Amino acid sequence: MKVLVADDDANILAGIADFLEWRGIDADCAGTGSQVLELCRQNRYDVLILDVMMPRLDGLSACERLREEGCTTPILFLTALDTLEDKIRGFQAGADDYLVKPFAMAELVCRVEALSQRISRQKLRKLTFGPLELDVEQGTATRDGVPLALTPLTFRILRHLVARAPRTVSREELEHQLWGSEPPSSDALRSHLYQLRMQLDKPFPHPMLETKRGVGFRLVAPATGVHDETEA
């Protein structure tokens, strides 16, 4: 399991990260809400642990921004604010759980593991990223509730991109996912990506499938997506 811990108190941050690592949980650290956004755009986490009161961009605002960008990772707030109104604001911002300081480290770990396991059970059937929802068992996908007419191969491409989003997936990785160690001609992947774009992006105002020339492909949230017209 990999989590992101954010707190502007360096001692608290180090203590939480050390305890999580001791319990076998890989932990990245951030001291501001802006760092949270940057790290979440670069990495995929199982759970986010955010302090509410942070400089420059507080935890509530960071949570709201992440949800707007399509991040569905479970978010656990840590805060000394313990009134009912404070908790309601946290859940309205998009949080999944709320733990009041001071707290026992063992309870924090239990809550983190529970959030991760709940999402893992959901992911056995459903994959989501922003407005995209994939039913892995049925092999179907929707964007903003609109069904996408995908072939089995284009569904597999989209499934892998969603599972890795927002990270970039190389051409070689996609080819290996589709055809193992014996990919067909060099134009095959390009053709399937074109078909995917026609279903995923063309009917909608904001594209999601982005080509990074010489690097690979990735999905971006519609609000920030920039359609790259370069060949696949």
Protein backbone atom coordinates (compact mmCIF):
# COMPACT_ATOMS: atom_id res chain seq x y z
CA MET A 1 0.00 0.00 0.00
CA LYS A 2 1.20 3.52 -0.80
CA VAL A 3 -0.16 6.62 0.94
CA LEU A 4 0.49 10.35 0.93
CA VAL A 5 0.70 12.12 4.30
CA ALA A 6 0.40 15.92 4.44
CA ASP A 7 0.93 18.09 7.52
CA ASP A 8 2.70 21.42 8.00
CA ASP A 9 4.08 20.27 11.37
CA ALA A 10 7.35 18.51 10.48
CA ASN A 11 7.45 16.51 13.72
CA ILE A 12 3.91 15.18 13.31
CA LEU A 13 4.57 14.43 9.64
CA ALA A 14 7.75 12.49 10.40
CA GLY A 15 6.10 10.60 13.25
CA ILE A 16 3.17 9.47 11.12
CA ALA A 17 5.37 8.53 8.17
CA ASP A 18 7.78 6.55 10.36
CA PHE A 19 4.94 4.63 12.03
CA LEU A 20 3.32 3.82 8.69
CA GLU A 21 6.63 2.62 7.28
CA TRP A 22 7.11 0.47 10.38
CA ARG A 23 3.71 -1.09 9.67
CA GLY A 24 4.76 -1.85 6.10
CA ILE A 25 2.95 1.06 4.44
CA ASP A 26 4.94 3.13 1.93
CA ALA A 27 4.47 6.84 2.70
CA ASP A 28 5.25 9.99 0.73
CA CYS A 29 5.20 13.31 2.59
CA ALA A 30 3.98 16.84 1.83
CA GLY A 31 3.99 20.01 3.90
CA THR A 32 1.48 22.10 1.95
CA GLY A 33 -1.71 21.65 -0.01
CA SER A 34 0.10 22.71 -3.18
CA GLN A 35 2.59 19.87 -2.73
CA VAL A 36 -0.33 17.48 -2.29
CA LEU A 37 -1.74 18.48 -5.68
CA GLU A 38 1.64 18.15 -7.36
CA LEU A 39 2.37 14.71 -5.92
CA CYS A 40 -1.12 13.39 -6.69
CA ARG A 41 -0.75 14.46 -10.32
CA GLN A 42 2.51 12.52 -10.56
CA ASN A 43 1.71 9.41 -8.51
CA ARG A 44 -1.11 7.05 -7.67
CA TYR A 45 -1.88 6.52 -3.98
CA ASP A 46 -4.16 4.12 -2.15
CA VAL A 47 -5.09 6.65 0.56
CA LEU A 48 -4.42 10.37 1.18
CA ILE A 49 -3.96 11.55 4.79
CA LEU A 50 -4.38 15.33 4.90
CA ASP A 51 -4.11 17.85 7.70
CA VAL A 52 -6.86 20.45 7.37
CA MET A 53 -4.81 23.51 8.42
CA MET A 54 -1.89 23.89 6.01
CA PRO A 55 -0.25 27.01 4.54
CA ARG A 56 -0.84 28.40 1.03
CA LEU A 57 -3.53 25.82 0.25
CA ASP A 58 -5.36 24.17 3.14
CA GLY A 59 -6.47 20.55 3.24
CA LEU A 60 -10.11 21.32 2.49
CA SER A 61 -9.20 23.30 -0.63
CA ALA A 62 -6.71 20.66 -1.76
CA CYS A 63 -9.38 17.98 -1.34
CA GLU A 64 -11.90 19.98 -3.37
CA ARG A 65 -9.34 20.56 -6.15
CA LEU A 66 -8.46 16.88 -6.30
CA ARG A 67 -12.11 15.87 -6.58
CA GLU A 68 -12.64 18.47 -9.33
CA GLU A 69 -9.69 16.96 -11.23
CA GLY A 70 -11.19 13.48 -11.06
CA CYS A 71 -9.19 12.02 -8.19
CA THR A 72 -11.20 9.28 -6.44
CA THR A 73 -8.51 8.22 -3.96
CA PRO A 74 -9.90 7.92 -0.39
CA ILE A 75 -9.06 10.97 1.72
CA LEU A 76 -8.70 10.91 5.51
CA PHE A 77 -8.58 14.28 7.27
CA LEU A 78 -6.46 14.82 10.39
CA THR A 79 -7.37 17.92 12.38
CA ALA A 80 -7.74 19.49 15.79
CA LEU A 81 -11.06 20.97 14.64
CA ASP A 82 -13.63 18.72 16.28
CA THR A 83 -17.01 20.43 16.01
CA LEU A 84 -19.84 18.90 14.01
CA GLU A 85 -19.68 21.82 11.58
CA ASP A 86 -15.98 21.19 10.97
CA LYS A 87 -16.63 17.53 10.22
CA ILE A 88 -19.50 18.37 7.89
CA ARG A 89 -17.28 20.80 5.96
CA GLY A 90 -14.68 18.06 5.60
CA PHE A 91 -17.13 15.54 4.20
CA GLN A 92 -18.68 18.15 1.91
CA ALA A 93 -15.22 18.88 0.53
CA GLY A 94 -14.93 15.23 -0.51
CA ALA A 95 -13.33 13.47 2.46
CA ASP A 96 -14.03 9.81 3.21
CA ASP A 97 -13.02 9.81 6.89
CA TYR A 98 -12.14 12.24 9.66
CA LEU A 99 -9.79 11.71 12.61
CA VAL A 100 -9.44 14.31 15.38
CA LYS A 101 -6.06 15.12 16.93
CA PRO A 102 -4.66 13.84 19.20
CA PHE A 103 -5.16 10.27 17.99
CA ALA A 104 -3.61 6.86 18.49
CA MET A 105 -1.34 5.73 15.66
CA ALA A 106 -2.91 2.28 15.77
CA GLU A 107 -6.33 3.79 15.07
CA LEU A 108 -4.92 5.79 12.16
CA VAL A 109 -3.50 2.63 10.60
CA CYS A 110 -6.80 0.78 11.08
CA ARG A 111 -8.70 3.57 9.33
CA VAL A 112 -6.19 3.73 6.47
CA GLU A 113 -6.34 -0.03 5.95
CA ALA A 114 -10.15 -0.01 6.06
CA LEU A 115 -10.33 2.73 3.41
CA SER A 116 -7.84 0.91 1.19
CA GLN A 117 -9.62 -2.43 1.50
CA ARG A 118 -13.00 -0.88 0.74
CA ILE A 119 -11.69 0.69 -2.45
CA SER A 120 -9.84 -2.51 -3.41
CA ARG A 121 -13.09 -4.47 -3.22
CA GLN A 122 -14.80 -1.89 -5.43
CA LYS A 123 -11.94 -1.96 -7.93
CA LEU A 124 -12.41 -5.68 -8.49
CA ARG A 125 -15.41 -4.69 -10.58
CA LYS A 126 -15.30 -0.94 -11.18
CA LEU A 127 -12.57 1.41 -12.36
CA THR A 128 -13.11 5.16 -12.39
CA PHE A 129 -11.17 8.26 -13.37
CA GLY A 130 -12.96 11.58 -13.52
CA PRO A 131 -16.11 11.13 -15.66
CA LEU A 132 -14.99 7.66 -16.81
CA GLU A 133 -16.43 4.50 -15.30
CA LEU A 134 -15.44 1.01 -16.42
CA ASP A 135 -17.22 -2.21 -15.52
CA VAL A 136 -14.39 -4.73 -15.67
CA GLU A 137 -16.66 -7.78 -15.46
CA GLN A 138 -18.97 -6.62 -18.25
CA GLY A 139 -16.26 -5.02 -20.39
CA THR A 140 -18.24 -1.78 -20.70
CA ALA A 141 -17.34 1.87 -20.22
CA THR A 142 -19.15 5.19 -19.89
CA ARG A 143 -18.10 8.83 -19.89
CA ASP A 144 -20.44 11.23 -18.12
CA GLY A 145 -22.92 8.37 -18.14
CA VAL A 146 -22.76 8.01 -21.94
CA PRO A 147 -21.89 4.45 -23.10
CA LEU A 148 -18.71 4.13 -25.19
CA ALA A 149 -18.82 1.68 -28.10
CA LEU A 150 -15.46 -0.02 -27.53
CA THR A 151 -13.98 -3.12 -29.09
CA PRO A 152 -12.42 -5.68 -26.73
CA LEU A 153 -8.95 -4.32 -27.54
CA THR A 154 -9.83 -0.65 -27.10
CA PHE A 155 -11.51 -1.52 -23.80
CA ARG A 156 -8.31 -3.22 -22.63
CA ILE A 157 -6.28 -0.14 -23.61
CA LEU A 158 -8.67 2.16 -21.74
CA ARG A 159 -8.73 -0.14 -18.71
CA HIS A 160 -4.94 -0.03 -18.45
CA LEU A 161 -4.80 3.74 -18.91
CA VAL A 162 -7.46 4.26 -16.22
CA ALA A 163 -5.65 1.92 -13.83
CA ARG A 164 -2.45 3.92 -14.31
CA ALA A 165 -3.99 7.41 -14.53
CA PRO A 166 -2.78 10.09 -14.34
CA ARG A 167 0.64 8.57 -15.00
CA THR A 168 1.99 8.17 -18.53
CA VAL A 169 2.03 4.69 -20.07
CA SER A 170 4.69 3.92 -22.66
CA ARG A 171 3.94 2.43 -26.07
CA GLU A 172 5.94 -0.65 -25.09
CA GLU A 173 3.91 -1.17 -21.92
CA LEU A 174 0.62 -0.94 -23.81
CA GLU A 175 1.81 -3.33 -26.51
CA HIS A 176 2.92 -5.82 -23.87
CA GLN A 177 -0.47 -5.57 -22.13
CA LEU A 178 -2.27 -6.31 -25.40
CA TRP A 179 -0.04 -8.81 -27.17
CA GLY A 180 2.62 -9.97 -24.73
CA SER A 181 6.11 -10.41 -26.16
CA GLU A 182 4.91 -10.71 -29.77
CA PRO A 183 3.21 -7.45 -30.83
CA PRO A 184 1.91 -7.18 -34.42
CA SER A 185 2.96 -4.52 -36.92
CA SER A 186 3.94 -1.06 -35.69
CA ASP A 187 0.68 0.46 -36.99
CA ALA A 188 -1.60 -1.81 -34.95
CA LEU A 189 -1.50 0.15 -31.69
CA ARG A 190 -1.91 3.44 -33.55
CA SER A 191 -5.07 2.14 -35.19
CA HIS A 192 -6.59 1.00 -31.89
CA LEU A 193 -5.72 4.29 -30.18
CA TYR A 194 -7.40 6.18 -33.02
CA GLN A 195 -10.55 4.09 -32.52
CA LEU A 196 -10.40 4.80 -28.79
CA ARG A 197 -10.11 8.56 -29.38
CA MET A 198 -13.16 8.49 -31.64
CA GLN A 199 -15.26 7.07 -28.80
CA LEU A 200 -13.61 8.64 -25.78
CA ASP A 201 -12.93 12.19 -26.98
CA LYS A 202 -14.63 13.13 -30.26
CA PRO A 203 -18.24 13.33 -28.94
CA PHE A 204 -17.20 15.44 -25.92
CA PRO A 205 -16.01 19.06 -25.58
CA HIS A 206 -12.85 18.24 -23.60
CA PRO A 207 -10.44 15.45 -24.63
CA MET A 208 -8.99 13.03 -22.09
CA LEU A 209 -6.50 10.90 -24.04
CA GLU A 210 -3.21 12.73 -24.35
CA THR A 211 -0.17 11.76 -26.41
CA LYS A 212 3.23 12.72 -25.05
CA ARG A 213 5.53 12.51 -28.05
CA GLY A 214 8.38 10.09 -27.49
CA VAL A 215 7.10 9.18 -24.02
CA GLY A 216 3.69 7.52 -24.23
CA PHE A 217 0.02 8.11 -23.47
CA ARG A 218 -2.03 9.15 -20.47
CA LEU A 219 -5.51 10.16 -19.37
CA VAL A 220 -6.07 13.68 -18.06
CA ALA A 221 -9.07 15.17 -16.30
CA PRO A 222 -11.33 17.03 -18.77
CA ALA A 223 -10.83 20.37 -17.02
CA THR A 224 -7.08 20.27 -17.73
CA GLY A 225 -6.95 18.04 -20.80
CA VAL A 226 -5.25 19.34 -23.92
CA HIS A 227 -5.84 17.28 -27.02
CA ASP A 228 -2.57 16.31 -28.63
CA GLU A 229 -3.15 15.78 -32.34
CA THR A 230 0.15 14.00 -32.92
CA GLU A 231 -0.04 10.54 -34.33
CA ALA A 232 -0.30 7.66 -31.86
